[in-house]
């Protein structure tokens, strides 16, 4: 029962983190009897909480999990290193985060779930964006997009496209950014995705403001 519930929660970690958290919460009430179940539960709950915007547990907790998986070389070994990095990132410890992320990246060939790799690259890109290394961030966002697309997580895939366009704007590659955003805006309109459409419009306005294409801003708002 516990193993099946953990598997169900893992299937919806990113697509429906609140549902995953509900399942994980019910497992706690039933009790976790094996160490492997306890470690997996802690790891999955960390990812689900983060996906739901609730942050990560303390790195001391994640360190125990990381040590447990250190000789496994599987999805959970990779994920434990990723979570350590993410915990440092959320705490503002960028250097420590990059070190953990770089270590996790060494094991991507052992990972069966593309969304885990995508999360790594997406958050690495965010760190390089914060340090104004937009060229490196662009490479990482492209990697993240590839793996989110493989995972079938459309919301993450399209959010990454917009982040990629934003990075192109910072690199002054305006034509590429505009093309990407206009394609994405069309997708948002066709699929009635208001969040995607709004984000595209905001980034296009930023682009047109920087390039003094005021007529295009008027066209977009009209």
N, C-alpha and C. Protein backbone atom coordinates (compact mmCIF):
# COMPACT_ATOMS: atom_id res chain seq x y z
N UNK A 1 0.84 -1.22 0.00
CA UNK A 1 0.00 0.00 0.00
C UNK A 1 0.86 1.25 0.00
N UNK A 2 1.86 1.29 0.91
CA UNK A 2 2.73 2.47 1.00
C UNK A 2 3.51 2.69 -0.28
N UNK A 3 4.07 1.60 -0.84
CA UNK A 3 4.85 1.71 -2.07
C UNK A 3 3.99 2.22 -3.22
N UNK A 4 2.78 1.69 -3.34
CA UNK A 4 1.87 2.14 -4.40
C UNK A 4 1.52 3.61 -4.24
N UNK A 5 1.29 4.04 -3.00
CA UNK A 5 0.95 5.44 -2.74
C UNK A 5 2.12 6.36 -3.06
N UNK A 6 3.32 5.92 -2.71
CA UNK A 6 4.51 6.71 -3.05
C UNK A 6 4.67 6.83 -4.56
N UNK A 7 4.42 5.74 -5.26
CA UNK A 7 4.51 5.76 -6.73
C UNK A 7 3.47 6.70 -7.32
N UNK A 8 2.25 6.68 -6.78
CA UNK A 8 1.19 7.57 -7.27
C UNK A 8 1.55 9.02 -7.03
N UNK A 9 2.09 9.30 -5.86
CA UNK A 9 2.49 10.68 -5.54
C UNK A 9 3.59 11.14 -6.48
N UNK A 10 4.54 10.25 -6.79
CA UNK A 10 5.65 10.63 -7.65
C UNK A 10 5.17 10.97 -9.06
N UNK A 11 4.14 10.26 -9.52
CA UNK A 11 3.61 10.49 -10.87
C UNK A 11 3.06 11.91 -11.04
N UNK A 12 2.61 12.52 -9.94
CA UNK A 12 2.00 13.85 -10.04
C UNK A 12 2.77 14.93 -9.29
N UNK A 13 4.05 14.68 -9.04
CA UNK A 13 4.87 15.64 -8.28
C UNK A 13 4.82 17.04 -8.86
N UNK A 14 4.97 17.15 -10.18
CA UNK A 14 5.01 18.46 -10.82
C UNK A 14 3.70 18.82 -11.49
N UNK A 15 3.01 17.82 -12.03
CA UNK A 15 1.75 18.12 -12.72
C UNK A 15 0.65 18.52 -11.75
N UNK A 16 0.68 17.97 -10.55
CA UNK A 16 -0.35 18.29 -9.55
C UNK A 16 0.26 18.16 -8.16
N UNK A 17 1.14 19.10 -7.78
CA UNK A 17 1.86 18.98 -6.50
C UNK A 17 0.95 18.96 -5.28
N UNK A 18 -0.18 19.67 -5.33
CA UNK A 18 -1.10 19.66 -4.18
C UNK A 18 -1.68 18.26 -3.96
N UNK A 19 -2.02 17.59 -5.06
CA UNK A 19 -2.54 16.23 -4.95
C UNK A 19 -1.45 15.29 -4.43
N UNK A 20 -0.22 15.48 -4.92
CA UNK A 20 0.89 14.66 -4.45
C UNK A 20 1.10 14.86 -2.95
N UNK A 21 1.00 16.11 -2.50
CA UNK A 21 1.18 16.40 -1.07
C UNK A 21 0.07 15.76 -0.23
N UNK A 22 -1.13 15.73 -0.77
CA UNK A 22 -2.24 15.09 -0.06
C UNK A 22 -1.97 13.59 0.13
N UNK A 23 -1.52 12.95 -0.94
CA UNK A 23 -1.21 11.53 -0.87
C UNK A 23 -0.08 11.28 0.13
N UNK A 24 0.97 12.09 0.04
CA UNK A 24 2.10 11.94 0.94
C UNK A 24 1.70 12.17 2.40
N UNK A 25 0.78 13.11 2.59
CA UNK A 25 0.28 13.37 3.95
C UNK A 25 -0.50 12.19 4.50
N UNK A 26 -1.25 11.52 3.66
CA UNK A 26 -2.03 10.35 4.11
C UNK A 26 -1.13 9.18 4.45
N UNK A 27 0.01 9.09 3.77
CA UNK A 27 0.96 8.00 4.07
C UNK A 27 1.53 8.16 5.46
N UNK A 28 1.81 9.39 5.85
CA UNK A 28 2.36 9.65 7.19
C UNK A 28 1.41 9.13 8.26
N UNK A 29 0.10 9.34 8.04
CA UNK A 29 -0.88 8.89 9.01
C UNK A 29 -0.91 7.37 9.11
N UNK A 30 -0.71 6.71 7.98
CA UNK A 30 -0.72 5.24 7.97
C UNK A 30 0.57 4.66 8.56
N UNK A 31 1.63 5.44 8.48
CA UNK A 31 2.91 4.99 9.02
C UNK A 31 3.87 4.52 7.95
N UNK A 32 5.13 4.90 8.14
CA UNK A 32 6.20 4.47 7.24
C UNK A 32 7.10 3.51 8.02
N UNK A 33 7.23 2.30 7.51
CA UNK A 33 7.90 1.27 8.30
C UNK A 33 9.33 0.99 7.86
N UNK A 34 9.62 1.10 6.58
CA UNK A 34 10.98 0.82 6.13
C UNK A 34 11.76 2.11 5.95
N UNK A 35 13.09 2.02 6.09
CA UNK A 35 13.93 3.20 5.92
C UNK A 35 13.86 3.72 4.49
N UNK A 36 13.79 2.80 3.52
CA UNK A 36 13.74 3.23 2.12
C UNK A 36 12.47 4.03 1.84
N UNK A 37 11.34 3.60 2.44
CA UNK A 37 10.09 4.35 2.28
C UNK A 37 10.19 5.73 2.92
N UNK A 38 10.81 5.80 4.09
CA UNK A 38 10.96 7.08 4.79
C UNK A 38 11.82 8.06 3.99
N UNK A 39 12.92 7.54 3.43
CA UNK A 39 13.81 8.40 2.64
C UNK A 39 13.11 8.88 1.36
N UNK A 40 12.42 7.96 0.70
CA UNK A 40 11.72 8.32 -0.53
C UNK A 40 10.61 9.32 -0.24
N UNK A 41 9.90 9.12 0.86
CA UNK A 41 8.82 10.04 1.25
C UNK A 41 9.35 11.44 1.48
N UNK A 42 10.46 11.54 2.21
CA UNK A 42 11.06 12.84 2.49
C UNK A 42 11.46 13.55 1.19
N UNK A 43 12.05 12.79 0.28
CA UNK A 43 12.52 13.34 -0.99
C UNK A 43 11.35 13.82 -1.85
N UNK A 44 10.34 12.99 -2.00
CA UNK A 44 9.19 13.35 -2.83
C UNK A 44 8.44 14.54 -2.24
N UNK A 45 8.32 14.56 -0.92
CA UNK A 45 7.61 15.68 -0.27
C UNK A 45 8.38 16.99 -0.46
N UNK A 46 9.70 16.91 -0.45
CA UNK A 46 10.51 18.12 -0.68
C UNK A 46 10.24 18.70 -2.06
N UNK A 47 10.19 17.84 -3.07
CA UNK A 47 9.95 18.30 -4.44
C UNK A 47 8.52 18.83 -4.59
N UNK A 48 7.56 18.11 -4.01
CA UNK A 48 6.15 18.53 -4.10
C UNK A 48 5.93 19.86 -3.39
N UNK A 49 6.53 20.01 -2.21
CA UNK A 49 6.39 21.27 -1.47
C UNK A 49 6.98 22.43 -2.27
N UNK A 50 8.13 22.21 -2.86
CA UNK A 50 8.78 23.26 -3.65
C UNK A 50 7.93 23.62 -4.87
N UNK A 51 7.40 22.59 -5.55
CA UNK A 51 6.55 22.83 -6.72
C UNK A 51 5.28 23.59 -6.36
N UNK A 52 4.84 23.41 -5.11
CA UNK A 52 3.64 24.11 -4.63
C UNK A 52 3.97 25.48 -4.05
N UNK A 53 5.25 25.87 -4.11
CA UNK A 53 5.66 27.18 -3.63
C UNK A 53 5.89 27.25 -2.13
N UNK A 54 6.11 26.10 -1.50
CA UNK A 54 6.25 26.05 -0.04
C UNK A 54 7.69 25.88 0.41
N UNK A 55 8.63 25.90 -0.53
CA UNK A 55 10.03 25.81 -0.16
C UNK A 55 10.51 24.39 0.07
N UNK A 56 11.71 24.29 0.63
CA UNK A 56 12.37 23.01 0.88
C UNK A 56 12.64 22.83 2.37
N UNK A 57 12.79 21.56 2.81
CA UNK A 57 13.19 21.35 4.20
C UNK A 57 14.62 21.81 4.42
N UNK A 58 15.06 21.81 5.68
CA UNK A 58 16.42 22.23 6.00
C UNK A 58 17.43 21.31 5.34
N UNK A 59 18.58 21.88 4.99
CA UNK A 59 19.59 21.06 4.31
C UNK A 59 20.09 19.92 5.18
N UNK A 60 19.97 20.07 6.52
CA UNK A 60 20.39 18.98 7.41
C UNK A 60 19.52 17.75 7.22
N UNK A 61 18.22 17.96 6.95
CA UNK A 61 17.31 16.85 6.67
C UNK A 61 17.65 16.23 5.32
N UNK A 62 17.88 17.07 4.34
CA UNK A 62 18.18 16.58 3.00
C UNK A 62 19.55 15.90 2.94
N UNK A 63 20.46 16.31 3.80
CA UNK A 63 21.78 15.69 3.83
C UNK A 63 21.67 14.21 4.20
N UNK A 64 20.80 13.90 5.16
CA UNK A 64 20.58 12.52 5.58
C UNK A 64 20.06 11.70 4.41
N UNK A 65 19.11 12.28 3.67
CA UNK A 65 18.55 11.60 2.50
C UNK A 65 19.62 11.41 1.44
N UNK A 66 20.41 12.45 1.20
CA UNK A 66 21.46 12.40 0.19
C UNK A 66 22.49 11.32 0.53
N UNK A 67 22.84 11.21 1.80
CA UNK A 67 23.78 10.17 2.23
C UNK A 67 23.20 8.78 2.01
N UNK A 68 21.92 8.63 2.27
CA UNK A 68 21.27 7.33 2.10
C UNK A 68 21.34 6.88 0.63
N UNK A 69 21.13 7.82 -0.29
CA UNK A 69 21.11 7.49 -1.71
C UNK A 69 22.47 7.59 -2.39
N UNK A 70 23.51 7.92 -1.65
CA UNK A 70 24.80 8.25 -2.26
C UNK A 70 25.39 7.10 -3.09
N UNK A 71 25.08 5.86 -2.76
CA UNK A 71 25.63 4.73 -3.51
C UNK A 71 24.62 4.09 -4.47
N UNK A 72 23.47 4.73 -4.64
CA UNK A 72 22.40 4.13 -5.44
C UNK A 72 22.54 4.40 -6.94
N UNK A 73 22.96 5.62 -7.28
CA UNK A 73 23.10 6.03 -8.68
C UNK A 73 21.83 5.78 -9.49
N UNK A 74 20.72 6.32 -9.00
CA UNK A 74 19.44 6.21 -9.70
C UNK A 74 18.73 7.56 -9.65
N UNK A 75 17.44 7.57 -9.98
CA UNK A 75 16.66 8.81 -9.96
C UNK A 75 16.74 9.51 -8.61
N UNK A 76 16.70 8.73 -7.55
CA UNK A 76 16.60 9.32 -6.21
C UNK A 76 17.95 9.84 -5.73
N UNK A 77 19.03 9.22 -6.17
CA UNK A 77 20.35 9.78 -5.89
C UNK A 77 20.48 11.15 -6.55
N UNK A 78 20.12 11.22 -7.81
CA UNK A 78 20.13 12.49 -8.55
C UNK A 78 19.22 13.51 -7.87
N UNK A 79 18.01 13.07 -7.52
CA UNK A 79 17.03 13.99 -6.95
C UNK A 79 17.47 14.50 -5.58
N UNK A 80 18.16 13.66 -4.82
CA UNK A 80 18.63 14.10 -3.50
C UNK A 80 19.68 15.20 -3.65
N UNK A 81 20.56 15.06 -4.63
CA UNK A 81 21.56 16.11 -4.88
C UNK A 81 20.89 17.39 -5.39
N UNK A 82 19.90 17.20 -6.27
CA UNK A 82 19.15 18.36 -6.77
C UNK A 82 18.49 19.10 -5.61
N UNK A 83 17.85 18.36 -4.71
CA UNK A 83 17.14 18.99 -3.58
C UNK A 83 18.10 19.72 -2.66
N UNK A 84 19.29 19.17 -2.47
CA UNK A 84 20.30 19.88 -1.67
C UNK A 84 20.63 21.22 -2.33
N UNK A 85 20.83 21.18 -3.64
CA UNK A 85 21.11 22.42 -4.36
C UNK A 85 19.97 23.40 -4.30
N UNK A 86 18.77 22.91 -4.46
CA UNK A 86 17.60 23.78 -4.43
C UNK A 86 17.41 24.42 -3.06
N UNK A 87 17.68 23.64 -2.01
CA UNK A 87 17.59 24.17 -0.64
C UNK A 87 18.58 25.31 -0.44
N UNK A 88 19.81 25.13 -0.92
CA UNK A 88 20.82 26.20 -0.84
C UNK A 88 20.39 27.41 -1.66
N UNK A 89 19.83 27.16 -2.84
CA UNK A 89 19.40 28.25 -3.71
C UNK A 89 18.33 29.09 -3.02
N UNK A 90 17.35 28.44 -2.44
CA UNK A 90 16.27 29.16 -1.77
C UNK A 90 16.76 29.92 -0.54
N UNK A 91 17.85 29.43 0.05
CA UNK A 91 18.43 30.11 1.22
C UNK A 91 19.37 31.24 0.82
N UNK A 92 19.57 31.42 -0.50
CA UNK A 92 20.44 32.49 -0.98
C UNK A 92 21.90 32.13 -1.04
N UNK A 93 22.21 30.82 -0.92
CA UNK A 93 23.60 30.37 -0.97
C UNK A 93 23.92 29.87 -2.38
N UNK A 94 24.14 30.79 -3.27
CA UNK A 94 24.27 30.47 -4.70
C UNK A 94 25.45 29.57 -5.00
N UNK A 95 26.59 29.81 -4.39
CA UNK A 95 27.78 29.01 -4.67
C UNK A 95 27.57 27.56 -4.26
N UNK A 96 27.01 27.35 -3.08
CA UNK A 96 26.72 25.99 -2.61
C UNK A 96 25.69 25.32 -3.53
N UNK A 97 24.73 26.09 -3.98
CA UNK A 97 23.70 25.54 -4.87
C UNK A 97 24.32 25.05 -6.17
N UNK A 98 25.18 25.87 -6.76
CA UNK A 98 25.82 25.49 -8.02
C UNK A 98 26.67 24.23 -7.85
N UNK A 99 27.36 24.13 -6.72
CA UNK A 99 28.19 22.95 -6.46
C UNK A 99 27.35 21.69 -6.42
N UNK A 100 26.20 21.75 -5.72
CA UNK A 100 25.32 20.58 -5.64
C UNK A 100 24.69 20.27 -6.99
N UNK A 101 24.25 21.32 -7.69
CA UNK A 101 23.65 21.13 -9.01
C UNK A 101 24.65 20.51 -9.99
N UNK A 102 25.91 20.99 -9.94
CA UNK A 102 26.94 20.47 -10.84
C UNK A 102 27.22 19.00 -10.54
N UNK A 103 27.20 18.65 -9.26
CA UNK A 103 27.39 17.25 -8.88
C UNK A 103 26.23 16.40 -9.40
N UNK A 104 25.02 16.92 -9.25
CA UNK A 104 23.83 16.19 -9.73
C UNK A 104 23.90 15.98 -11.24
N UNK A 105 24.38 17.00 -11.96
CA UNK A 105 24.43 16.93 -13.42
C UNK A 105 25.30 15.77 -13.91
N UNK A 106 26.26 15.36 -13.11
CA UNK A 106 27.13 14.25 -13.50
C UNK A 106 26.38 12.93 -13.64
N UNK A 107 25.19 12.87 -13.04
CA UNK A 107 24.45 11.61 -13.00
C UNK A 107 23.21 11.60 -13.89
N UNK A 108 23.09 12.56 -14.80
CA UNK A 108 21.86 12.64 -15.59
C UNK A 108 21.64 11.40 -16.47
N UNK A 109 22.72 10.72 -16.83
CA UNK A 109 22.56 9.52 -17.65
C UNK A 109 21.91 8.37 -16.89
N UNK A 110 21.84 8.49 -15.56
CA UNK A 110 21.20 7.45 -14.75
C UNK A 110 19.73 7.77 -14.46
N UNK A 111 19.26 8.91 -14.94
CA UNK A 111 17.92 9.38 -14.57
C UNK A 111 16.89 8.96 -15.63
N UNK A 112 15.80 8.38 -15.17
CA UNK A 112 14.77 7.90 -16.10
C UNK A 112 13.65 8.92 -16.32
N UNK A 113 13.52 9.86 -15.38
CA UNK A 113 12.42 10.84 -15.46
C UNK A 113 12.96 12.17 -16.00
N UNK A 114 12.60 12.55 -17.24
CA UNK A 114 13.15 13.78 -17.82
C UNK A 114 12.80 15.05 -17.05
N UNK A 115 11.65 15.03 -16.34
CA UNK A 115 11.27 16.24 -15.61
C UNK A 115 12.24 16.58 -14.48
N UNK A 116 12.90 15.57 -13.92
CA UNK A 116 13.88 15.83 -12.87
C UNK A 116 15.10 16.57 -13.45
N UNK A 117 15.53 16.13 -14.62
CA UNK A 117 16.66 16.79 -15.29
C UNK A 117 16.26 18.22 -15.68
N UNK A 118 15.03 18.37 -16.15
CA UNK A 118 14.54 19.70 -16.53
C UNK A 118 14.53 20.66 -15.34
N UNK A 119 14.11 20.16 -14.19
CA UNK A 119 14.11 21.00 -12.98
C UNK A 119 15.52 21.48 -12.66
N UNK A 120 16.46 20.57 -12.75
CA UNK A 120 17.86 20.93 -12.48
C UNK A 120 18.31 22.06 -13.39
N UNK A 121 18.12 21.88 -14.70
CA UNK A 121 18.61 22.88 -15.65
C UNK A 121 17.86 24.21 -15.50
N UNK A 122 16.58 24.15 -15.23
CA UNK A 122 15.80 25.37 -15.08
C UNK A 122 16.28 26.20 -13.89
N UNK A 123 16.53 25.54 -12.77
CA UNK A 123 16.97 26.28 -11.59
C UNK A 123 18.42 26.70 -11.68
N UNK A 124 19.24 25.92 -12.37
CA UNK A 124 20.61 26.37 -12.66
C UNK A 124 20.57 27.64 -13.51
N UNK A 125 19.70 27.64 -14.52
CA UNK A 125 19.56 28.82 -15.39
C UNK A 125 19.18 30.04 -14.59
N UNK A 126 18.28 29.85 -13.64
CA UNK A 126 17.85 30.96 -12.79
C UNK A 126 19.01 31.56 -12.01
N UNK A 127 19.88 30.70 -11.50
CA UNK A 127 21.05 31.19 -10.76
C UNK A 127 21.99 32.00 -11.65
N UNK A 128 22.22 31.51 -12.87
CA UNK A 128 23.11 32.24 -13.78
C UNK A 128 22.46 33.54 -14.27
N UNK A 129 21.13 33.56 -14.35
CA UNK A 129 20.43 34.81 -14.69
C UNK A 129 20.66 35.85 -13.60
N UNK A 130 20.59 35.40 -12.34
CA UNK A 130 20.80 36.31 -11.21
C UNK A 130 22.21 36.88 -11.19
N UNK A 131 23.17 36.12 -11.71
CA UNK A 131 24.55 36.61 -11.74
C UNK A 131 24.88 37.27 -13.09
N UNK A 132 23.84 37.50 -13.91
CA UNK A 132 23.95 38.20 -15.20
C UNK A 132 24.77 37.43 -16.25
N UNK A 133 24.94 36.13 -16.06
CA UNK A 133 25.60 35.31 -17.08
C UNK A 133 24.51 34.76 -17.99
N UNK A 134 24.02 35.64 -18.86
CA UNK A 134 22.85 35.29 -19.68
C UNK A 134 23.17 34.24 -20.75
N UNK A 135 24.41 34.21 -21.22
CA UNK A 135 24.78 33.22 -22.23
C UNK A 135 24.68 31.80 -21.66
N UNK A 136 25.21 31.64 -20.45
CA UNK A 136 25.12 30.32 -19.79
C UNK A 136 23.67 30.01 -19.45
N UNK A 137 22.94 31.02 -18.99
CA UNK A 137 21.52 30.81 -18.66
C UNK A 137 20.73 30.35 -19.87
N UNK A 138 21.03 30.94 -21.03
CA UNK A 138 20.33 30.57 -22.26
C UNK A 138 20.55 29.10 -22.60
N UNK A 139 21.78 28.64 -22.49
CA UNK A 139 22.09 27.23 -22.75
C UNK A 139 21.30 26.32 -21.82
N UNK A 140 21.23 26.70 -20.56
CA UNK A 140 20.55 25.89 -19.56
C UNK A 140 19.04 25.89 -19.75
N UNK A 141 18.48 27.04 -20.12
CA UNK A 141 17.04 27.09 -20.40
C UNK A 141 16.70 26.23 -21.62
N UNK A 142 17.57 26.23 -22.62
CA UNK A 142 17.34 25.37 -23.79
C UNK A 142 17.35 23.91 -23.39
N UNK A 143 18.28 23.54 -22.49
CA UNK A 143 18.32 22.17 -21.98
C UNK A 143 17.04 21.84 -21.21
N UNK A 144 16.63 22.78 -20.36
CA UNK A 144 15.42 22.56 -19.56
C UNK A 144 14.20 22.37 -20.46
N UNK A 145 14.11 23.19 -21.50
CA UNK A 145 12.97 23.08 -22.42
C UNK A 145 12.93 21.71 -23.08
N UNK A 146 14.08 21.22 -23.50
CA UNK A 146 14.15 19.90 -24.14
C UNK A 146 13.58 18.81 -23.24
N UNK A 147 13.97 18.84 -21.96
CA UNK A 147 13.53 17.80 -21.04
C UNK A 147 12.10 17.99 -20.56
N UNK A 148 11.66 19.24 -20.41
CA UNK A 148 10.25 19.46 -20.06
C UNK A 148 9.35 18.99 -21.20
N UNK A 149 9.79 19.21 -22.43
CA UNK A 149 9.02 18.76 -23.59
C UNK A 149 8.92 17.24 -23.61
N UNK A 150 10.03 16.58 -23.29
CA UNK A 150 10.03 15.11 -23.22
C UNK A 150 9.10 14.60 -22.13
N UNK A 151 8.98 15.36 -21.06
CA UNK A 151 8.16 14.93 -19.92
C UNK A 151 6.67 15.13 -20.16
N UNK A 152 6.33 15.97 -21.15
CA UNK A 152 4.92 16.24 -21.43
C UNK A 152 4.30 17.25 -20.48
N UNK A 153 5.12 17.95 -19.69
CA UNK A 153 4.60 18.95 -18.75
C UNK A 153 4.48 20.30 -19.47
N UNK A 154 3.32 20.53 -20.06
CA UNK A 154 3.11 21.69 -20.93
C UNK A 154 3.31 23.02 -20.21
N UNK A 155 2.79 23.14 -18.98
CA UNK A 155 2.92 24.41 -18.25
C UNK A 155 4.38 24.78 -18.06
N UNK A 156 5.18 23.81 -17.66
CA UNK A 156 6.61 24.06 -17.46
C UNK A 156 7.31 24.34 -18.78
N UNK A 157 6.92 23.59 -19.80
CA UNK A 157 7.53 23.78 -21.12
C UNK A 157 7.34 25.21 -21.62
N UNK A 158 6.10 25.71 -21.52
CA UNK A 158 5.83 27.05 -22.05
C UNK A 158 6.38 28.15 -21.14
N UNK A 159 6.42 27.90 -19.85
CA UNK A 159 7.05 28.86 -18.95
C UNK A 159 8.54 28.99 -19.27
N UNK A 160 9.16 27.89 -19.64
CA UNK A 160 10.58 27.90 -19.98
C UNK A 160 10.84 28.63 -21.29
N UNK A 161 9.93 28.50 -22.24
CA UNK A 161 10.06 29.24 -23.50
C UNK A 161 10.08 30.75 -23.23
N UNK A 162 9.21 31.21 -22.36
CA UNK A 162 9.14 32.63 -22.04
C UNK A 162 10.41 33.09 -21.32
N UNK A 163 10.93 32.25 -20.42
CA UNK A 163 12.19 32.58 -19.74
C UNK A 163 13.34 32.64 -20.75
N UNK A 164 13.30 31.76 -21.74
CA UNK A 164 14.33 31.77 -22.79
C UNK A 164 14.26 33.07 -23.58
N UNK A 165 13.05 33.49 -23.91
CA UNK A 165 12.87 34.75 -24.65
C UNK A 165 13.36 35.94 -23.83
N UNK A 166 13.04 35.93 -22.54
CA UNK A 166 13.51 37.00 -21.65
C UNK A 166 15.04 37.07 -21.65
N UNK A 167 15.68 35.89 -21.63
CA UNK A 167 17.14 35.84 -21.65
C UNK A 167 17.69 36.37 -22.97
N UNK A 168 17.02 36.06 -24.07
CA UNK A 168 17.44 36.59 -25.37
C UNK A 168 17.35 38.11 -25.40
N UNK A 169 16.34 38.66 -24.76
CA UNK A 169 16.21 40.12 -24.67
C UNK A 169 17.42 40.70 -23.94
N UNK A 170 17.80 40.07 -22.83
CA UNK A 170 18.95 40.55 -22.05
C UNK A 170 20.24 40.45 -22.86
N UNK A 171 20.29 39.49 -23.78
CA UNK A 171 21.46 39.34 -24.65
C UNK A 171 21.40 40.24 -25.89
N UNK A 172 20.33 41.03 -25.95
CA UNK A 172 20.11 41.95 -27.08
C UNK A 172 19.90 41.20 -28.40
N UNK A 173 19.45 39.99 -28.32
CA UNK A 173 19.10 39.22 -29.51
C UNK A 173 17.60 39.39 -29.75
N UNK A 174 17.26 40.62 -30.11
CA UNK A 174 15.86 41.04 -30.10
C UNK A 174 14.99 40.33 -31.14
N UNK A 175 15.54 40.12 -32.32
CA UNK A 175 14.74 39.47 -33.37
C UNK A 175 14.36 38.04 -32.98
N UNK A 176 15.32 37.33 -32.40
CA UNK A 176 15.04 35.95 -31.96
C UNK A 176 14.01 35.95 -30.83
N UNK A 177 14.17 36.89 -29.91
CA UNK A 177 13.23 36.97 -28.79
C UNK A 177 11.83 37.29 -29.27
N UNK A 178 11.72 38.23 -30.20
CA UNK A 178 10.42 38.61 -30.72
C UNK A 178 9.75 37.44 -31.43
N UNK A 179 10.50 36.73 -32.25
CA UNK A 179 9.94 35.59 -32.98
C UNK A 179 9.41 34.53 -32.01
N UNK A 180 10.20 34.26 -30.97
CA UNK A 180 9.81 33.25 -29.98
C UNK A 180 8.56 33.68 -29.23
N UNK A 181 8.51 34.95 -28.84
CA UNK A 181 7.37 35.44 -28.06
C UNK A 181 6.09 35.52 -28.89
N UNK A 182 6.23 35.90 -30.15
CA UNK A 182 5.04 35.97 -31.01
C UNK A 182 4.47 34.57 -31.27
N UNK A 183 5.35 33.60 -31.46
CA UNK A 183 4.90 32.22 -31.63
C UNK A 183 4.21 31.72 -30.36
N UNK A 184 4.80 32.07 -29.23
CA UNK A 184 4.24 31.63 -27.94
C UNK A 184 2.93 32.35 -27.64
N UNK A 185 2.83 33.61 -28.01
CA UNK A 185 1.59 34.36 -27.84
C UNK A 185 0.48 33.74 -28.67
N UNK A 186 0.81 33.34 -29.88
CA UNK A 186 -0.18 32.67 -30.74
C UNK A 186 -0.65 31.36 -30.10
N UNK A 187 0.30 30.62 -29.52
CA UNK A 187 -0.06 29.37 -28.84
C UNK A 187 -0.99 29.65 -27.66
N UNK A 188 -0.65 30.68 -26.90
CA UNK A 188 -1.47 31.04 -25.74
C UNK A 188 -2.89 31.42 -26.13
N UNK A 189 -3.01 32.18 -27.23
CA UNK A 189 -4.34 32.58 -27.71
C UNK A 189 -5.12 31.37 -28.23
N UNK A 190 -4.43 30.52 -28.99
CA UNK A 190 -5.09 29.34 -29.56
C UNK A 190 -5.57 28.37 -28.49
N UNK A 191 -4.84 28.32 -27.38
CA UNK A 191 -5.16 27.37 -26.31
C UNK A 191 -5.83 28.03 -25.11
N UNK A 192 -6.21 29.30 -25.28
CA UNK A 192 -6.90 30.03 -24.22
C UNK A 192 -6.12 30.01 -22.90
N UNK A 193 -4.80 30.11 -23.02
CA UNK A 193 -3.94 30.15 -21.82
C UNK A 193 -3.62 31.61 -21.53
N UNK A 194 -4.37 32.19 -20.63
CA UNK A 194 -4.25 33.62 -20.34
C UNK A 194 -2.91 33.97 -19.69
N UNK A 195 -2.39 33.06 -18.86
CA UNK A 195 -1.12 33.34 -18.19
C UNK A 195 0.02 33.42 -19.19
N UNK A 196 0.06 32.46 -20.11
CA UNK A 196 1.10 32.48 -21.15
C UNK A 196 0.97 33.73 -22.01
N UNK A 197 -0.25 34.04 -22.42
CA UNK A 197 -0.47 35.22 -23.27
C UNK A 197 -0.03 36.50 -22.58
N UNK A 198 -0.40 36.63 -21.30
CA UNK A 198 -0.05 37.84 -20.55
C UNK A 198 1.46 37.97 -20.39
N UNK A 199 2.13 36.86 -20.09
CA UNK A 199 3.59 36.90 -19.94
C UNK A 199 4.27 37.26 -21.26
N UNK A 200 3.73 36.75 -22.35
CA UNK A 200 4.29 37.10 -23.66
C UNK A 200 4.14 38.59 -23.96
N UNK A 201 2.96 39.12 -23.69
CA UNK A 201 2.69 40.54 -23.94
C UNK A 201 3.63 41.41 -23.10
N UNK A 202 3.81 41.06 -21.84
CA UNK A 202 4.68 41.84 -20.96
C UNK A 202 6.12 41.84 -21.48
N UNK A 203 6.59 40.68 -21.93
CA UNK A 203 7.96 40.60 -22.44
C UNK A 203 8.11 41.29 -23.79
N UNK A 204 7.09 41.22 -24.62
CA UNK A 204 7.13 41.93 -25.90
C UNK A 204 7.16 43.44 -25.68
N UNK A 205 6.37 43.93 -24.74
CA UNK A 205 6.37 45.36 -24.43
C UNK A 205 7.74 45.81 -23.92
N UNK A 206 8.36 44.95 -23.11
CA UNK A 206 9.71 45.24 -22.62
C UNK A 206 10.69 45.32 -23.79
N UNK A 207 10.56 44.37 -24.71
CA UNK A 207 11.43 44.35 -25.89
C UNK A 207 11.23 45.59 -26.75
N UNK A 208 9.97 45.93 -27.02
CA UNK A 208 9.68 47.09 -27.88
C UNK A 208 10.09 48.40 -27.22
N UNK A 209 10.02 48.45 -25.90
CA UNK A 209 10.48 49.64 -25.19
C UNK A 209 11.99 49.81 -25.33
N UNK A 210 12.70 48.72 -25.24
CA UNK A 210 14.17 48.77 -25.35
C UNK A 210 14.61 49.13 -26.76
N UNK A 211 13.85 48.70 -27.73
CA UNK A 211 14.25 48.92 -29.12
C UNK A 211 13.54 50.12 -29.75
N UNK A 212 12.75 50.81 -28.93
CA UNK A 212 12.00 52.00 -29.38
C UNK A 212 11.02 51.70 -30.52
N UNK A 213 10.50 50.47 -30.52
CA UNK A 213 9.47 50.10 -31.50
C UNK A 213 8.09 50.45 -30.93
N UNK A 214 7.86 51.75 -30.79
CA UNK A 214 6.63 52.18 -30.13
C UNK A 214 5.38 51.84 -30.95
N UNK A 215 5.54 51.83 -32.26
CA UNK A 215 4.40 51.49 -33.11
C UNK A 215 3.97 50.05 -32.87
N UNK A 216 4.94 49.18 -32.62
CA UNK A 216 4.62 47.79 -32.33
C UNK A 216 3.95 47.64 -30.96
N UNK A 217 4.36 48.48 -30.02
CA UNK A 217 3.70 48.47 -28.70
C UNK A 217 2.24 48.87 -28.86
N UNK A 218 1.98 49.87 -29.66
CA UNK A 218 0.60 50.32 -29.89
C UNK A 218 -0.20 49.23 -30.58
N UNK A 219 0.44 48.55 -31.56
CA UNK A 219 -0.23 47.44 -32.25
C UNK A 219 -0.59 46.32 -31.28
N UNK A 220 0.35 46.02 -30.39
CA UNK A 220 0.16 44.92 -29.44
C UNK A 220 -0.95 45.23 -28.45
N UNK A 221 -0.99 46.47 -27.99
CA UNK A 221 -2.00 46.87 -27.00
C UNK A 221 -3.35 47.15 -27.65
N UNK A 222 -3.30 47.42 -28.96
CA UNK A 222 -4.56 47.72 -29.67
C UNK A 222 -5.38 46.49 -29.93
